[in-house]
Amino acid sequence: MRTDDAPEKSKIVYCKDSNRTQPYRMYTSHFLLYVSAEKGHQQYAPDVHQFPAGRKRRCLKKMRAAVRGWRLNRQTHVALAALAKLYNPIICGWWNYYGAFYPTAMLDLYMHIDRALERWARRKYKTLSGRLRAGVQWLRKMKDAEPRLFHHWRLIGSKVG
């Protein structure tokens, strides 16, 4: 490790909250793809910084891009169980790394996966073609029939999607 890289990796950041109101140019720190401070979303104090242990938006964006890269809607020749067998190790790995620290933040990703599965079902089955609500109902039936098929279904059940 070169010594001139150390200033880029090591930083002192100002932990701004309701008690510390001084301006400072850096409010967040990143460690292993996690972010340690985010701007608050409260109605009465939108400028207050919170310190939830969450993953960076860029990482979520990459995970959603990976799901799009699976091109599920083009895999209509494959059964749902085969899709689960193929993609469960990836979903499980994401959960083990990102979900361990901030599990509720993974709900958006799981909803994204479920929407991709709905599109897959609408393309695979002609009776669901062009019927958004029917695709949602079909996926809900699959979750009820096989709640342990996909890893994220095991974790949170039918709360997602």
Protein backbone atom coordinates (compact mmCIF):
# COMPACT_ATOMS: atom_id res chain seq x y z
CA MET A 1 0.00 0.00 0.00
CA ARG A 2 1.36 3.35 -0.98
CA THR A 3 1.38 6.12 1.58
CA ASP A 4 0.00 8.69 -0.84
CA ASP A 5 -3.27 6.64 -1.08
CA ALA A 6 -3.93 6.93 2.65
CA PRO A 7 -5.56 10.39 2.56
CA GLU A 8 -8.13 9.14 0.05
CA LYS A 9 -9.01 6.13 2.19
CA SER A 10 -8.93 7.78 5.61
CA LYS A 11 -11.17 10.74 6.33
CA ILE A 12 -12.56 12.59 9.27
CA VAL A 13 -16.20 13.41 8.72
CA TYR A 14 -18.44 15.73 10.67
CA CYS A 15 -21.37 13.93 12.31
CA LYS A 16 -24.04 16.55 11.85
CA ASP A 17 -27.25 16.06 13.80
CA SER A 18 -29.72 18.21 15.73
CA ASN A 19 -27.07 19.03 18.39
CA ARG A 20 -24.23 19.74 15.94
CA THR A 21 -25.26 22.32 13.39
CA GLN A 22 -21.93 23.65 12.11
CA PRO A 23 -21.42 23.53 8.35
CA TYR A 24 -18.85 21.07 7.06
CA ARG A 25 -18.08 19.83 3.59
CA MET A 26 -18.25 16.07 4.34
CA TYR A 27 -21.12 14.38 6.15
CA THR A 28 -20.88 10.77 5.00
CA SER A 29 -18.26 8.09 5.21
CA HIS A 30 -18.15 4.89 3.18
CA PHE A 31 -16.79 1.61 4.39
CA LEU A 32 -17.02 -1.64 2.42
CA LEU A 33 -19.89 -0.36 0.28
CA TYR A 34 -21.84 0.85 3.31
CA VAL A 35 -22.69 4.46 4.02
CA SER A 36 -22.69 5.71 7.59
CA ALA A 37 -24.71 8.91 7.29
CA GLU A 38 -27.58 9.95 5.10
CA LYS A 39 -29.65 13.08 4.91
CA GLY A 40 -32.78 12.81 7.02
CA HIS A 41 -36.20 12.38 5.51
CA GLN A 42 -38.23 13.70 8.40
CA GLN A 43 -41.03 16.11 7.63
CA TYR A 44 -39.94 18.71 10.20
CA ALA A 45 -36.17 18.37 9.97
CA PRO A 46 -35.13 17.51 6.41
CA ASP A 47 -31.59 18.89 6.83
CA VAL A 48 -30.73 16.75 9.84
CA HIS A 49 -28.37 13.90 9.06
CA GLN A 50 -29.18 10.46 10.38
CA PHE A 51 -26.74 7.62 10.87
CA PRO A 52 -28.47 4.46 9.71
CA ALA A 53 -26.23 1.61 8.77
CA GLY A 54 -27.24 1.14 5.17
CA ARG A 55 -25.77 0.29 1.85
CA LYS A 56 -24.98 2.81 -0.78
CA ARG A 57 -27.55 3.63 -3.43
CA ARG A 58 -24.94 2.79 -6.02
CA CYS A 59 -24.84 -0.80 -4.74
CA LEU A 60 -28.61 -1.14 -4.96
CA LYS A 61 -28.45 0.22 -8.47
CA LYS A 62 -25.87 -2.43 -9.38
CA MET A 63 -27.99 -5.19 -7.87
CA ARG A 64 -31.07 -4.05 -9.81
CA ALA A 65 -28.94 -3.90 -12.96
CA ALA A 66 -27.81 -7.46 -12.27
CA VAL A 67 -31.45 -8.57 -12.00
CA ARG A 68 -32.19 -6.85 -15.32
CA GLY A 69 -29.15 -8.62 -16.75
CA TRP A 70 -30.71 -11.97 -15.88
CA ARG A 71 -33.31 -11.19 -18.59
CA LEU A 72 -35.93 -13.28 -16.83
CA ASN A 73 -38.67 -12.37 -19.28
CA ARG A 74 -36.63 -14.07 -22.05
CA GLN A 75 -36.30 -17.33 -20.11
CA THR A 76 -39.81 -18.62 -20.73
CA HIS A 77 -38.54 -22.11 -21.57
CA VAL A 78 -37.43 -22.56 -17.95
CA ALA A 79 -39.70 -23.52 -15.05
CA LEU A 80 -40.04 -21.33 -11.96
CA ALA A 81 -38.22 -23.90 -9.79
CA ALA A 82 -35.28 -23.87 -12.20
CA LEU A 83 -35.10 -20.07 -12.00
CA ALA A 84 -35.09 -20.32 -8.23
CA LYS A 85 -32.29 -22.87 -8.30
CA LEU A 86 -30.28 -20.69 -10.66
CA TYR A 87 -30.66 -17.34 -8.89
CA ASN A 88 -31.08 -18.27 -5.22
CA PRO A 89 -27.30 -18.35 -4.55
CA ILE A 90 -27.01 -14.77 -5.80
CA ILE A 91 -30.01 -13.55 -3.80
CA CYS A 92 -28.73 -15.39 -0.73
CA GLY A 93 -25.30 -13.80 -1.10
CA TRP A 94 -26.80 -10.33 -1.34
CA TRP A 95 -28.86 -11.01 1.77
CA ASN A 96 -25.88 -12.33 3.72
CA TYR A 97 -23.77 -9.29 2.88
CA TYR A 98 -26.21 -6.38 2.76
CA GLY A 99 -29.15 -7.74 4.75
CA ALA A 100 -27.07 -8.53 7.80
CA PHE A 101 -26.57 -4.86 8.54
CA TYR A 102 -29.84 -3.24 7.43
CA PRO A 103 -32.43 -5.88 6.45
CA THR A 104 -35.35 -3.58 5.69
CA ALA A 105 -33.34 -1.81 3.02
CA MET A 106 -33.39 -4.99 0.93
CA LEU A 107 -37.17 -4.84 0.48
CA ASP A 108 -36.88 -2.61 -2.59
CA LEU A 109 -34.58 -5.10 -4.27
CA TYR A 110 -36.90 -7.99 -3.45
CA MET A 111 -39.85 -6.08 -4.90
CA HIS A 112 -37.78 -5.53 -8.03
CA ILE A 113 -37.11 -9.28 -8.30
CA ASP A 114 -40.79 -10.07 -7.80
CA ARG A 115 -41.79 -7.60 -10.52
CA ALA A 116 -39.32 -9.33 -12.86
CA LEU A 117 -40.91 -12.67 -11.99
CA GLU A 118 -44.35 -11.23 -12.74
CA ARG A 119 -43.14 -10.10 -16.17
CA TRP A 120 -41.68 -13.57 -16.72
CA ALA A 121 -45.03 -15.19 -15.87
CA ARG A 122 -46.99 -12.82 -18.12
CA ARG A 123 -44.72 -13.69 -21.01
CA LYS A 124 -44.65 -17.43 -20.30
CA TYR A 125 -48.38 -18.00 -19.79
CA LYS A 126 -50.79 -16.70 -22.44
CA THR A 127 -53.65 -16.40 -19.96
CA LEU A 128 -51.63 -13.78 -18.04
CA SER A 129 -50.45 -11.90 -21.12
CA GLY A 130 -51.33 -8.21 -20.94
CA ARG A 131 -52.99 -8.57 -17.54
CA LEU A 132 -50.90 -6.89 -14.84
CA ARG A 133 -53.18 -7.74 -11.94
CA ALA A 134 -53.38 -11.37 -13.02
CA GLY A 135 -49.58 -11.56 -12.96
CA VAL A 136 -49.51 -10.19 -9.42
CA GLN A 137 -52.17 -12.67 -8.32
CA TRP A 138 -50.30 -15.54 -9.97
CA LEU A 139 -47.11 -14.66 -8.13
CA ARG A 140 -49.01 -14.40 -4.83
CA LYS A 141 -50.43 -17.90 -5.43
CA MET A 142 -46.94 -19.22 -6.11
CA LYS A 143 -45.69 -17.66 -2.88
CA ASP A 144 -48.53 -19.30 -0.96
CA ALA A 145 -48.00 -22.68 -2.64
CA GLU A 146 -44.17 -22.70 -2.42
CA PRO A 147 -43.13 -20.15 0.24
CA ARG A 148 -39.57 -21.49 0.39
CA LEU A 149 -38.87 -21.53 -3.34
CA PHE A 150 -36.93 -18.25 -3.57
CA HIS A 151 -34.59 -17.15 -0.80
CA HIS A 152 -36.28 -13.78 -0.29
CA TRP A 153 -39.66 -15.51 -0.03
CA ARG A 154 -38.28 -17.57 2.86
CA LEU A 155 -37.10 -14.47 4.67
CA ILE A 156 -40.09 -12.22 4.43
CA GLY A 157 -42.84 -14.34 2.93
CA SER A 158 -45.62 -12.58 1.07
CA LYS A 159 -44.81 -9.09 2.39
CA VAL A 160 -42.93 -8.27 -0.80
CA GLY A 161 -44.50 -7.87 -4.21
